[in-house]
C-alpha atoms as a PDB file:
ATOM      1  CA  MET A   1      92.999  80.528 152.556  1.00  0.00           C
ATOM      2  CA  ALA A   2      89.364  82.484 152.730  1.00  0.00           C
ATOM      3  CA  ALA A   3      86.358  80.870 151.036  1.00  0.00           C
ATOM      4  CA  LYS A   4      85.242  81.986 147.786  1.00  0.00           C
ATOM      5  CA  ARG A   5      82.338  84.079 147.948  1.00  0.00           C
ATOM      6  CA  ALA A   6      79.204  82.932 146.569  1.00  0.00           C
ATOM      7  CA  ARG A   7      77.802  84.960 143.823  1.00  0.00           C
ATOM      8  CA  VAL A   8      74.828  86.799 144.550  1.00  0.00           C
ATOM      9  CA  THR A   9      71.825  85.738 141.918  1.00  0.00           C
ATOM     10  CA  MET A  10      68.993  87.424 140.858  1.00  0.00           C
ATOM     11  CA  ALA A  11      66.596  85.134 143.423  1.00  0.00           C
ATOM     12  CA  ASP A  12      68.416  86.673 146.410  1.00  0.00           C
ATOM     13  CA  VAL A  13      67.678  90.360 145.414  1.00  0.00           C
ATOM     14  CA  ALA A  14      63.844  89.130 145.299  1.00  0.00           C
ATOM     15  CA  ARG A  15      64.124  87.429 148.552  1.00  0.00           C
ATOM     16  CA  ALA A  16      65.327  90.600 149.909  1.00  0.00           C
ATOM     17  CA  ALA A  17      63.334  92.842 148.200  1.00  0.00           C
ATOM     18  CA  GLN A  18      60.166  90.631 148.507  1.00  0.00           C
ATOM     19  CA  VAL A  19      59.565  90.986 144.882  1.00  0.00           C
ATOM     20  CA  THR A  20      59.373  87.764 142.663  1.00  0.00           C
ATOM     21  CA  SER A  21      62.572  87.565 140.453  1.00  0.00           C
ATOM     22  CA  GLN A  22      60.526  88.705 137.204  1.00  0.00           C
ATOM     23  CA  THR A  23      60.161  91.941 138.734  1.00  0.00           C
ATOM     24  CA  VAL A  24      63.817  91.958 139.466  1.00  0.00           C
ATOM     25  CA  SER A  25      64.507  91.486 135.725  1.00  0.00           C
ATOM     26  CA  ARG A  26      62.083  93.928 134.660  1.00  0.00           C
ATOM     27  CA  ALA A  27      63.152  96.605 137.295  1.00  0.00           C
ATOM     28  CA  PHE A  28      67.132  96.184 135.649  1.00  0.00           C
ATOM     29  CA  ARG A  29      65.434  96.263 131.573  1.00  0.00           C
ATOM     30  CA  ASN A  30      63.626  99.246 132.808  1.00  0.00           C
ATOM     31  CA  ALA A  31      60.257  97.983 131.512  1.00  0.00           C
ATOM     32  CA  PRO A  32      57.409  99.874 131.806  1.00  0.00           C
ATOM     33  CA  ASP A  33      55.137  97.967 133.287  1.00  0.00           C
ATOM     34  CA  ILE A  34      56.825  98.399 136.556  1.00  0.00           C
ATOM     35  CA  SER A  35      56.369 101.587 139.262  1.00  0.00           C
ATOM     36  CA  GLU A  36      58.996 103.872 139.740  1.00  0.00           C
ATOM     37  CA  GLU A  37      59.300 102.809 143.187  1.00  0.00           C
ATOM     38  CA  THR A  38      59.496  99.522 143.169  1.00  0.00           C
ATOM     39  CA  ARG A  39      62.197  99.945 140.652  1.00  0.00           C
ATOM     40  CA  GLU A  40      64.226 101.982 142.570  1.00  0.00           C
ATOM     41  CA  LYS A  41      63.501  99.480 145.982  1.00  0.00           C
ATOM     42  CA  VAL A  42      65.026  96.654 143.792  1.00  0.00           C
ATOM     43  CA  LEU A  43      67.490  98.230 142.499  1.00  0.00           C
ATOM     44  CA  ARG A  44      68.521  99.769 146.030  1.00  0.00           C
ATOM     45  CA  VAL A  45      68.536  96.034 147.368  1.00  0.00           C
ATOM     46  CA  ALA A  46      70.890  94.980 144.509  1.00  0.00           C
ATOM     47  CA  ALA A  47      73.515  97.592 145.349  1.00  0.00           C
ATOM     48  CA  GLU A  48      73.489  96.577 149.000  1.00  0.00           C
ATOM     49  CA  LEU A  49      73.995  92.798 148.108  1.00  0.00           C
ATOM     50  CA  ASN A  50      76.458  93.882 145.455  1.00  0.00           C
ATOM     51  CA  TYR A  51      74.357  91.892 142.675  1.00  0.00           C
ATOM     52  CA  VAL A  52      76.137  91.832 139.151  1.00  0.00           C
ATOM     53  CA  MET A  53      73.454  91.280 136.285  1.00  0.00           C
ATOM     54  CA  ASN A  54      74.490  87.928 134.262  1.00  0.00           C
ATOM     55  CA  GLY A  55      74.822  89.654 130.785  1.00  0.00           C
ATOM     56  CA  THR A  56      74.565  86.911 128.940  1.00  0.00           C
ATOM     57  CA  ALA A  57      71.754  85.113 130.317  1.00  0.00           C
ATOM     58  CA  SER A  58      69.877  88.379 129.660  1.00  0.00           C
ATOM     59  CA  SER A  59      70.836  88.531 126.003  1.00  0.00           C
ATOM     60  CA  LEU A  60      69.802  84.871 125.513  1.00  0.00           C
ATOM     61  CA  ARG A  61      66.483  85.363 127.169  1.00  0.00           C
ATOM     62  CA  ALA A  62      66.079  88.222 125.113  1.00  0.00           C
ATOM     63  CA  GLY A  63      67.373  86.823 121.977  1.00  0.00           C
ATOM     64  CA  ASN A  64      69.630  89.512 121.382  1.00  0.00           C
ATOM     65  CA  SER A  65      73.622  89.259 122.116  1.00  0.00           C
ATOM     66  CA  ARG A  66      75.180  92.554 122.735  1.00  0.00           C
ATOM     67  CA  LEU A  67      78.680  90.753 122.311  1.00  0.00           C
ATOM     68  CA  ILE A  68      80.888  91.639 118.842  1.00  0.00           C
ATOM     69  CA  VAL A  69      83.332  89.331 118.258  1.00  0.00           C
ATOM     70  CA  VAL A  70      86.273  90.908 116.335  1.00  0.00           C
ATOM     71  CA  VAL A  71      88.322  89.177 113.884  1.00  0.00           C
ATOM     72  CA  TYR A  72      92.023  90.255 113.032  1.00  0.00           C
ATOM     73  CA  ASP A  73      95.514  88.348 111.837  1.00  0.00           C
ATOM     74  CA  ASN A  74      98.141  90.110 113.367  1.00  0.00           C
ATOM     75  CA  LEU A  75      98.805  90.977 116.801  1.00  0.00           C
ATOM     76  CA  VAL A  76     101.550  93.276 116.140  1.00  0.00           C
ATOM     77  CA  ASN A  77     100.221  95.738 113.788  1.00  0.00           C
ATOM     78  CA  ILE A  78      99.595  99.010 115.528  1.00  0.00           C
ATOM     79  CA  TYR A  79      96.715  99.515 112.639  1.00  0.00           C
ATOM     80  CA  PHE A  80      94.864  96.857 114.095  1.00  0.00           C
ATOM     81  CA  SER A  81      95.078  98.214 117.698  1.00  0.00           C
ATOM     82  CA  VAL A  82      94.213 101.242 117.077  1.00  0.00           C
ATOM     83  CA  MET A  83      91.001 100.188 114.752  1.00  0.00           C
ATOM     84  CA  ILE A  84      90.101  97.705 117.730  1.00  0.00           C
ATOM     85  CA  ASP A  85      90.014 100.415 120.456  1.00  0.00           C
ATOM     86  CA  TYR A  86      88.128 102.708 118.512  1.00  0.00           C
ATOM     87  CA  LEU A  87      85.751 100.506 117.711  1.00  0.00           C
ATOM     88  CA  GLN A  88      85.312  99.320 121.287  1.00  0.00           C
ATOM     89  CA  GLN A  89      84.906 103.089 122.201  1.00  0.00           C
ATOM     90  CA  SER A  90      81.875 103.201 119.516  1.00  0.00           C
ATOM     91  CA  LEU A  91      80.603 100.012 120.528  1.00  0.00           C
ATOM     92  CA  TRP A  92      80.303 100.715 124.210  1.00  0.00           C
ATOM     93  CA  ARG A  93      78.401 103.422 123.455  1.00  0.00           C
ATOM     94  CA  ARG A  94      75.845 101.860 122.113  1.00  0.00           C
ATOM     95  CA  GLY A  95      75.749  99.229 125.247  1.00  0.00           C
ATOM     96  CA  TYR A  96      77.616  96.431 123.013  1.00  0.00           C
ATOM     97  CA  SER A  97      81.391  95.255 124.257  1.00  0.00           C
ATOM     98  CA  ILE A  98      83.884  92.810 121.971  1.00  0.00           C
ATOM     99  CA  LEU A  99      85.445  89.836 122.075  1.00  0.00           C
ATOM    100  CA  MET A 100      88.763  90.267 119.829  1.00  0.00           C
ATOM    101  CA  LEU A 101      89.751  86.742 117.996  1.00  0.00           C
ATOM    102  CA  SER A 102      92.953  86.552 116.630  1.00  0.00           C
ATOM    103  CA  VAL A 103      93.537  83.827 113.710  1.00  0.00           C
ATOM    104  CA  ALA A 104      96.336  82.081 112.052  1.00  0.00           C
ATOM    105  CA  GLU A 105      95.127  82.325 108.678  1.00  0.00           C
ATOM    106  CA  ALA A 106      94.350  86.061 107.107  1.00  0.00           C
ATOM    107  CA  LYS A 107      90.495  84.484 106.456  1.00  0.00           C
ATOM    108  CA  LEU A 108      87.279  84.722 107.940  1.00  0.00           C
ATOM    109  CA  ASP A 109      86.848  80.877 108.080  1.00  0.00           C
ATOM    110  CA  GLY A 110      84.016  78.613 108.823  1.00  0.00           C
ATOM    111  CA  ALA A 111      86.480  77.983 112.494  1.00  0.00           C
ATOM    112  CA  ALA A 112      86.187  81.518 113.354  1.00  0.00           C
ATOM    113  CA  TYR A 113      82.762  81.971 112.470  1.00  0.00           C
ATOM    114  CA  GLN A 114      81.750  79.027 114.638  1.00  0.00           C
ATOM    115  CA  PHE A 115      83.855  80.596 117.623  1.00  0.00           C
ATOM    116  CA  ALA A 116      81.225  83.531 117.456  1.00  0.00           C
ATOM    117  CA  VAL A 117      78.375  81.580 117.646  1.00  0.00           C
ATOM    118  CA  SER A 118      79.779  79.213 120.576  1.00  0.00           C
ATOM    119  CA  HIS A 119      80.373  82.541 122.381  1.00  0.00           C
ATOM    120  CA  ASN A 120      76.727  83.740 121.647  1.00  0.00           C
ATOM    121  CA  ALA A 121      77.848  86.448 119.558  1.00  0.00           C
ATOM    122  CA  GLY A 122      75.279  89.064 118.331  1.00  0.00           C
ATOM    123  CA  GLY A 123      77.423  89.949 115.107  1.00  0.00           C
ATOM    124  CA  ILE A 124      81.293  89.782 113.820  1.00  0.00           C
ATOM    125  CA  ILE A 125      83.092  92.766 112.630  1.00  0.00           C
ATOM    126  CA  SER A 126      86.180  91.359 110.789  1.00  0.00           C
ATOM    127  CA  PHE A 127      89.123  92.460 108.863  1.00  0.00           C
ATOM    128  CA  LEU A 128      89.781  89.241 107.141  1.00  0.00           C
ATOM    129  CA  GLU A 129      87.860  88.741 103.823  1.00  0.00           C
ATOM    130  CA  PRO A 130      85.337  85.883 104.451  1.00  0.00           C
ATOM    131  CA  VAL A 131      85.910  82.293 103.048  1.00  0.00           C
ATOM    132  CA  GLN A 132      82.919  81.248 100.735  1.00  0.00           C
ATOM    133  CA  GLY A 133      81.282  78.862 102.654  1.00  0.00           C
ATOM    134  CA  ILE A 134      80.687  82.002 105.365  1.00  0.00           C
ATOM    135  CA  GLY A 135      77.647  82.894 103.336  1.00  0.00           C
ATOM    136  CA  GLU A 136      75.938  79.662 104.521  1.00  0.00           C
ATOM    137  CA  MET A 137      76.466  79.856 107.685  1.00  0.00           C
ATOM    138  CA  ILE A 138      75.107  83.448 108.100  1.00  0.00           C
ATOM    139  CA  GLU A 139      72.128  81.947 106.648  1.00  0.00           C
ATOM    140  CA  ASN A 140      71.854  79.106 109.213  1.00  0.00           C
ATOM    141  CA  PHE A 141      72.866  80.944 112.230  1.00  0.00           C
ATOM    142  CA  ALA A 142      72.120  84.567 111.469  1.00  0.00           C
ATOM    143  CA  ILE A 143      74.996  86.068 112.795  1.00  0.00           C
ATOM    144  CA  PRO A 144      75.821  88.968 110.677  1.00  0.00           C
ATOM    145  CA  VAL A 145      79.107  89.546 109.613  1.00  0.00           C
ATOM    146  CA  LEU A 146      80.564  93.440 108.890  1.00  0.00           C
ATOM    147  CA  LEU A 147      84.099  93.302 106.963  1.00  0.00           C
ATOM    148  CA  ILE A 148      86.436  96.178 107.577  1.00  0.00           C
ATOM    149  CA  GLY A 149      89.010  97.318 105.268  1.00  0.00           C
ATOM    150  CA  ARG A 150      88.431  94.639 102.391  1.00  0.00           C
ATOM    151  CA  ARG A 151      85.617  94.244  99.788  1.00  0.00           C
ATOM    152  CA  THR A 152      83.970  90.645  99.047  1.00  0.00           C
ATOM    153  CA  GLU A 153      81.452  89.339  96.495  1.00  0.00           C
ATOM    154  CA  LEU A 154      79.599  87.412  99.450  1.00  0.00           C
ATOM    155  CA  MET A 155      76.140  88.961  99.740  1.00  0.00           C
ATOM    156  CA  GLN A 156      75.770  87.721 102.671  1.00  0.00           C
ATOM    157  CA  VAL A 157      78.308  90.040 104.418  1.00  0.00           C
ATOM    158  CA  ASP A 158      78.323  94.000 104.246  1.00  0.00           C
ATOM    159  CA  TYR A 159      81.784  95.651 104.059  1.00  0.00           C
ATOM    160  CA  LEU A 160      83.090  99.017 104.530  1.00  0.00           C
ATOM    161  CA  ARG A 161      86.322  99.620 102.741  1.00  0.00           C
ATOM    162  CA  THR A 162      88.735 102.490 102.118  1.00  0.00           C
ATOM    163  CA  ASP A 163      89.418 103.567  98.743  1.00  0.00           C
ATOM    164  CA  ASP A 164      92.585 101.692  97.886  1.00  0.00           C
ATOM    165  CA  GLU A 165      93.034 102.570  94.506  1.00  0.00           C
ATOM    166  CA  GLU A 166      92.929 106.441  95.353  1.00  0.00           C
ATOM    167  CA  GLY A 167      95.598 105.813  97.949  1.00  0.00           C
ATOM    168  CA  GLY A 168      97.866 103.829  95.389  1.00  0.00           C
ATOM    169  CA  ARG A 169      97.186 106.962  93.151  1.00  0.00           C
ATOM    170  CA  ILE A 170      98.208 109.396  95.931  1.00  0.00           C
ATOM    171  CA  ALA A 171     101.509 107.449  96.828  1.00  0.00           C
ATOM    172  CA  ALA A 172     102.625 107.367  92.762  1.00  0.00           C
ATOM    173  CA  ARG A 173     101.927 111.013  93.213  1.00  0.00           C
ATOM    174  CA  HIS A 174     103.862 111.800  96.209  1.00  0.00           C
ATOM    175  CA  LEU A 175     106.936 109.593  94.753  1.00  0.00           C
ATOM    176  CA  PHE A 176     106.977 111.114  91.105  1.00  0.00           C
ATOM    177  CA  SER A 177     107.003 114.482  93.428  1.00  0.00           C
ATOM    178  CA  LEU A 178     110.171 113.565  94.808  1.00  0.00           C
ATOM    179  CA  GLY A 179     111.805 112.781  91.568  1.00  0.00           C
ATOM    180  CA  CYS A 180     111.448 109.086  91.780  1.00  0.00           C
ATOM    181  CA  LYS A 181     111.181 107.233  87.520  1.00  0.00           C
ATOM    182  CA  LYS A 182     111.484 103.560  89.310  1.00  0.00           C
ATOM    183  CA  THR A 183     109.664 102.574  91.956  1.00  0.00           C
ATOM    184  CA  ALA A 184     108.091  98.852  93.719  1.00  0.00           C
ATOM    185  CA  TYR A 185     105.409  98.297  95.682  1.00  0.00           C
ATOM    186  CA  LEU A 186     106.117  96.335  98.464  1.00  0.00           C
ATOM    187  CA  THR A 187     103.183  94.007  99.672  1.00  0.00           C
ATOM    188  CA  VAL A 188     101.246  91.037 100.946  1.00  0.00           C
ATOM    189  CA  PRO A 189      99.978  88.746  98.554  1.00  0.00           C
ATOM    190  CA  LEU A 190      97.870  90.093  95.957  1.00  0.00           C
ATOM    191  CA  GLU A 191      95.208  88.198  96.421  1.00  0.00           C
ATOM    192  CA  ILE A 192      94.420  90.211  99.244  1.00  0.00           C
ATOM    193  CA  THR A 193      91.570  92.525  97.572  1.00  0.00           C
ATOM    194  CA  CYS A 194      92.917  95.762  99.826  1.00  0.00           C
ATOM    195  CA  ALA A 195      96.386  94.879  98.490  1.00  0.00           C
ATOM    196  CA  TYR A 196      95.242  94.126  95.115  1.00  0.00           C
ATOM    197  CA  ASP A 197      93.222  97.542  95.196  1.00  0.00           C
ATOM    198  CA  ARG A 198      96.225  99.961  96.309  1.00  0.00           C
ATOM    199  CA  PHE A 199      98.699  98.557  93.712  1.00  0.00           C
ATOM    200  CA  ALA A 200      95.869  98.666  90.990  1.00  0.00           C
ATOM    201  CA  GLY A 201      95.885 102.401  91.653  1.00  0.00           C
ATOM    202  CA  PHE A 202      99.523 103.398  92.335  1.00  0.00           C
ATOM    203  CA  GLU A 203     100.308 101.056  88.557  1.00  0.00           C
ATOM    204  CA  GLU A 204      97.659 103.052  86.693  1.00  0.00           C
ATOM    205  CA  GLU A 205      98.965 106.772  88.177  1.00  0.00           C
ATOM    206  CA  ALA A 206     102.588 105.531  87.607  1.00  0.00           C
ATOM    207  CA  ALA A 207     101.826 104.666  83.787  1.00  0.00           C
ATOM    208  CA  ARG A 208     100.163 108.322  83.623  1.00  0.00           C
ATOM    209  CA  LEU A 209     102.890 109.967  84.913  1.00  0.00           C
ATOM    210  CA  GLY A 210     105.638 108.236  83.432  1.00  0.00           C
ATOM    211  CA  MET A 211     107.187 106.156  86.150  1.00  0.00           C
ATOM    212  CA  THR A 212     108.178 102.577  86.265  1.00  0.00           C
ATOM    213  CA  CYS A 213     106.798  99.931  88.827  1.00  0.00           C
ATOM    214  CA  PHE A 214     106.307  96.246  90.232  1.00  0.00           C
ATOM    215  CA  ALA A 215     105.218  94.259  92.978  1.00  0.00           C
ATOM    216  CA  GLN A 216     107.743  92.945  95.192  1.00  0.00           C
ATOM    217  CA  ASP A 217     106.397  90.563  98.144  1.00  0.00           C
ATOM    218  CA  ALA A 218     107.305  91.676 101.294  1.00  0.00           C
ATOM    219  CA  TYR A 219     105.156  90.043 103.569  1.00  0.00           C
ATOM    220  CA  ALA A 220     105.727  91.694 107.104  1.00  0.00           C
ATOM    221  CA  ALA A 221     109.311  92.914 106.805  1.00  0.00           C
ATOM    222  CA  PRO A 222     111.271  93.750 103.635  1.00  0.00           C
ATOM    223  CA  THR A 223     114.531  91.956 104.154  1.00  0.00           C
ATOM    224  CA  ALA A 224     118.251  94.003 103.582  1.00  0.00           C
ATOM    225  CA  GLU A 225     118.584  91.382 100.467  1.00  0.00           C
ATOM    226  CA  ILE A 226     115.373  92.701  99.057  1.00  0.00           C
ATOM    227  CA  LEU A 227     115.680  96.478  99.865  1.00  0.00           C
ATOM    228  CA  LYS A 228     119.862  96.199  98.668  1.00  0.00           C
ATOM    229  CA  THR A 229     118.505  94.349  95.547  1.00  0.00           C
ATOM    230  CA  LEU A 230     115.592  96.788  94.746  1.00  0.00           C
ATOM    231  CA  ALA A 231     118.357  99.833  95.138  1.00  0.00           C
ATOM    232  CA  ALA A 232     121.002  98.069  93.042  1.00  0.00           C
ATOM    233  CA  ASP A 233     118.355  97.588  90.481  1.00  0.00           C
ATOM    234  CA  GLY A 234     117.775 101.443  90.220  1.00  0.00           C
ATOM    235  CA  VAL A 235     114.595 101.645  92.713  1.00  0.00           C
ATOM    236  CA  GLU A 236     114.184 104.903  93.795  1.00  0.00           C
ATOM    237  CA  GLY A 237     111.061 104.938  95.784  1.00  0.00           C
ATOM    238  CA  LEU A 238     108.848 102.182  97.763  1.00  0.00           C
ATOM    239  CA  PHE A 239     104.919 102.262  98.378  1.00  0.00           C
ATOM    240  CA  CYS A 240     104.123  99.980 101.144  1.00  0.00           C
ATOM    241  CA  PHE A 241     101.228  98.128 101.726  1.00  0.00           C
ATOM    242  CA  ASN A 242     101.266  98.983 105.521  1.00  0.00           C
ATOM    243  CA  ASP A 243     102.879 101.215 108.010  1.00  0.00           C
ATOM    244  CA  MET A 244     104.279  98.076 109.383  1.00  0.00           C
ATOM    245  CA  ILE A 245     106.260  97.178 106.658  1.00  0.00           C
ATOM    246  CA  ALA A 246     107.035 100.921 105.703  1.00  0.00           C
ATOM    247  CA  TYR A 247     108.517 101.258 109.063  1.00  0.00           C
ATOM    248  CA  ASN A 248     110.631  97.906 109.206  1.00  0.00           C
ATOM    249  CA  ALA A 249     111.870  99.277 105.846  1.00  0.00           C
ATOM    250  CA  LEU A 250     112.775 102.256 106.971  1.00  0.00           C
ATOM    251  CA  TYR A 251     114.244 100.749 110.109  1.00  0.00           C
ATOM    252  CA  THR A 252     116.280  98.419 107.792  1.00  0.00           C
ATOM    253  CA  MET A 253     117.580 101.069 105.378  1.00  0.00           C
ATOM    254  CA  ALA A 254     119.214 103.020 108.070  1.00  0.00           C
ATOM    255  CA  ARG A 255     120.940  99.757 109.633  1.00  0.00           C
ATOM    256  CA  GLU A 256     122.141  99.372 106.098  1.00  0.00           C
ATOM    257  CA  ASN A 257     122.983 102.912 104.882  1.00  0.00           C
ATOM    258  CA  LEU A 258     120.251 102.572 102.156  1.00  0.00           C
ATOM    259  CA  SER A 259     118.586 106.136 103.123  1.00  0.00           C
ATOM    260  CA  SER A 260     118.695 107.534  99.370  1.00  0.00           C
ATOM    261  CA  LEU A 261     115.116 105.215  98.739  1.00  0.00           C
ATOM    262  CA  LYS A 262     112.070 107.170  99.044  1.00  0.00           C
ATOM    263  CA  VAL A 263     109.346 105.050 101.360  1.00  0.00           C
ATOM    264  CA  VAL A 264     105.615 105.968 101.451  1.00  0.00           C
ATOM    265  CA  GLY A 265     103.271 103.992 103.506  1.00  0.00           C
ATOM    266  CA  TYR A 266      99.440 102.942 104.614  1.00  0.00           C
ATOM    267  CA  ASP A 267      97.195 103.425 107.460  1.00  0.00           C
ATOM    268  CA  CYS A 268      98.464 106.604 109.237  1.00  0.00           C
ATOM    269  CA  VAL A 269      99.600 105.121 112.385  1.00  0.00           C
ATOM    270  CA  ALA A 270     101.578 107.924 113.377  1.00  0.00           C
ATOM    271  CA  ARG A 271      98.233 110.080 113.788  1.00  0.00           C
ATOM    272  CA  GLU A 272      97.529 107.861 117.139  1.00  0.00           C
ATOM    273  CA  VAL A 273     100.894 106.908 117.551  1.00  0.00           C
ATOM    274  CA  HIS A 274     104.250 108.772 117.779  1.00  0.00           C
ATOM    275  CA  ILE A 275     106.513 106.876 116.277  1.00  0.00           C
ATOM    276  CA  PRO A 276     110.391 108.845 115.600  1.00  0.00           C
ATOM    277  CA  TYR A 277     110.262 108.450 112.163  1.00  0.00           C
ATOM    278  CA  GLY A 278     108.733 110.750 109.265  1.00  0.00           C
ATOM    279  CA  LEU A 279     106.640 108.671 106.903  1.00  0.00           C
ATOM    280  CA  PHE A 280     104.352 110.040 104.443  1.00  0.00           C
ATOM    281  CA  SER A 281     101.267 107.596 104.940  1.00  0.00           C
ATOM    282  CA  ILE A 282      97.587 107.356 103.651  1.00  0.00           C
ATOM    283  CA  GLY A 283      94.594 106.195 105.178  1.00  0.00           C
ATOM    284  CA  PRO A 284      91.223 107.099 106.477  1.00  0.00           C
ATOM    285  CA  ASP A 285      90.074 108.773 109.614  1.00  0.00           C
ATOM    286  CA  LYS A 286      90.364 105.533 111.425  1.00  0.00           C
ATOM    287  CA  ARG A 287      87.959 106.894 114.277  1.00  0.00           C
ATOM    288  CA  ALA A 288      85.185 107.720 111.756  1.00  0.00           C
ATOM    289  CA  LEU A 289      85.856 104.579 110.367  1.00  0.00           C
ATOM    290  CA  ALA A 290      85.068 102.433 113.443  1.00  0.00           C
ATOM    291  CA  GLU A 291      81.974 105.027 114.163  1.00  0.00           C
ATOM    292  CA  ARG A 292      80.110 103.870 111.216  1.00  0.00           C
ATOM    293  CA  ALA A 293      81.215 100.302 111.465  1.00  0.00           C
ATOM    294  CA  ALA A 294      79.988  99.932 114.809  1.00  0.00           C
ATOM    295  CA  GLU A 295      76.774 102.189 113.510  1.00  0.00           C
ATOM    296  CA  ILE A 296      76.144  99.592 110.757  1.00  0.00           C
ATOM    297  CA  ILE A 297      76.629  96.164 112.946  1.00  0.00           C
ATOM    298  CA  VAL A 298      74.120  97.126 115.754  1.00  0.00           C
ATOM    299  CA  LYS A 299      71.674  98.035 113.315  1.00  0.00           C
ATOM    300  CA  ARG A 300      72.072  94.255 111.801  1.00  0.00           C
ATOM    301  CA  VAL A 301      72.222  92.739 115.245  1.00  0.00           C
ATOM    302  CA  GLU A 302      69.395  94.861 116.305  1.00  0.00           C
ATOM    303  CA  GLY A 303      67.082  93.298 112.817  1.00  0.00           C
ATOM    304  CA  ALA A 304      66.974  96.859 110.715  1.00  0.00           C
ATOM    305  CA  ASP A 305      65.791  96.390 107.475  1.00  0.00           C
ATOM    306  CA  MET A 306      68.079  97.943 105.310  1.00  0.00           C
ATOM    307  CA  PRO A 307      70.077  96.421 101.906  1.00  0.00           C
ATOM    308  CA  ARG A 308      73.639  95.432 101.938  1.00  0.00           C
ATOM    309  CA  ILE A 309      76.048  97.766 102.587  1.00  0.00           C
ATOM    310  CA  THR A 310      79.012  97.808 100.142  1.00  0.00           C
ATOM    311  CA  GLU A 311      80.551 101.497 101.123  1.00  0.00           C
ATOM    312  CA  VAL A 312      83.999 103.013 100.082  1.00  0.00           C
ATOM    313  CA  VAL A 313      85.743 105.349 102.592  1.00  0.00           C
ATOM    314  CA  GLY A 314      88.009 108.423 101.881  1.00  0.00           C
ATOM    315  CA  VAL A 315      91.665 108.716 102.340  1.00  0.00           C
ATOM    316  CA  GLU A 316      93.814 111.126 102.605  1.00  0.00           C
ATOM    317  CA  SER A 317      97.556 111.709 103.212  1.00  0.00           C
ATOM    318  CA  TRP A 318      99.753 112.011 106.396  1.00  0.00           C
ATOM    319  CA  ILE A 319     103.005 112.973 107.480  1.00  0.00           C
END
């Protein structure tokens, strides 16, 4: 087996270019106090030696890490896959990279924040609501946090959420237009803010339209027993917390011959992933949401003086 080749260092480039290591560093940073001739010479020598700059070390010296940790909790949820891809594109254009962190609990807790600290992250984008203690950690370590898709009362955390109440109202109106009178909301625990907000809008609009509705726990996938019970109880329409629950419901309904139930989803993942089930779904423009999120977290990392961000992004239907 061939011996592993030693990595070329900045000192190697400096010796070959007959300049100091500080000059090499300034050349790569395009510093104004270096001539164009010297910069071109350093870059040419570096290319000839196959030198790769150590980004982590450079960010430590500059006091500004260009790494964003993205925290989520469900590896099989297509929504996270799509959003993280859009975030990566938006952040890469700004000179930042991402490190994905999937956690077992549906919370951004101290362990997740410490993970970001230990990896010299510049910021955190979380799809999970932060626990109370995160506020003190943010003040101590100064790694900013942006929450996407949910809201929080913690003043140290920015958030960018979708208009979940309006999404619930759209779902109710659609099911009513299909002739549904009794409906159920298949949901994750309502302690999650976006789950609660979607149900609040759905319940409000259902009452206005004269429909009855209630919440039914179906964390990842509604079982055949749940769906059969709902159908037997006269439920005609289902509003699902997200598209993954909705697609699981459609699959189970087809297998159990329960096609009379009308289903509405949330997240509009069929915009990006072609799935052979026709599903009426509600959600934001995910690419635009990711772009705005990247803009906010980069400004925070780079020290922009701005008030706390608490923005609500509009939603629309998709089929």
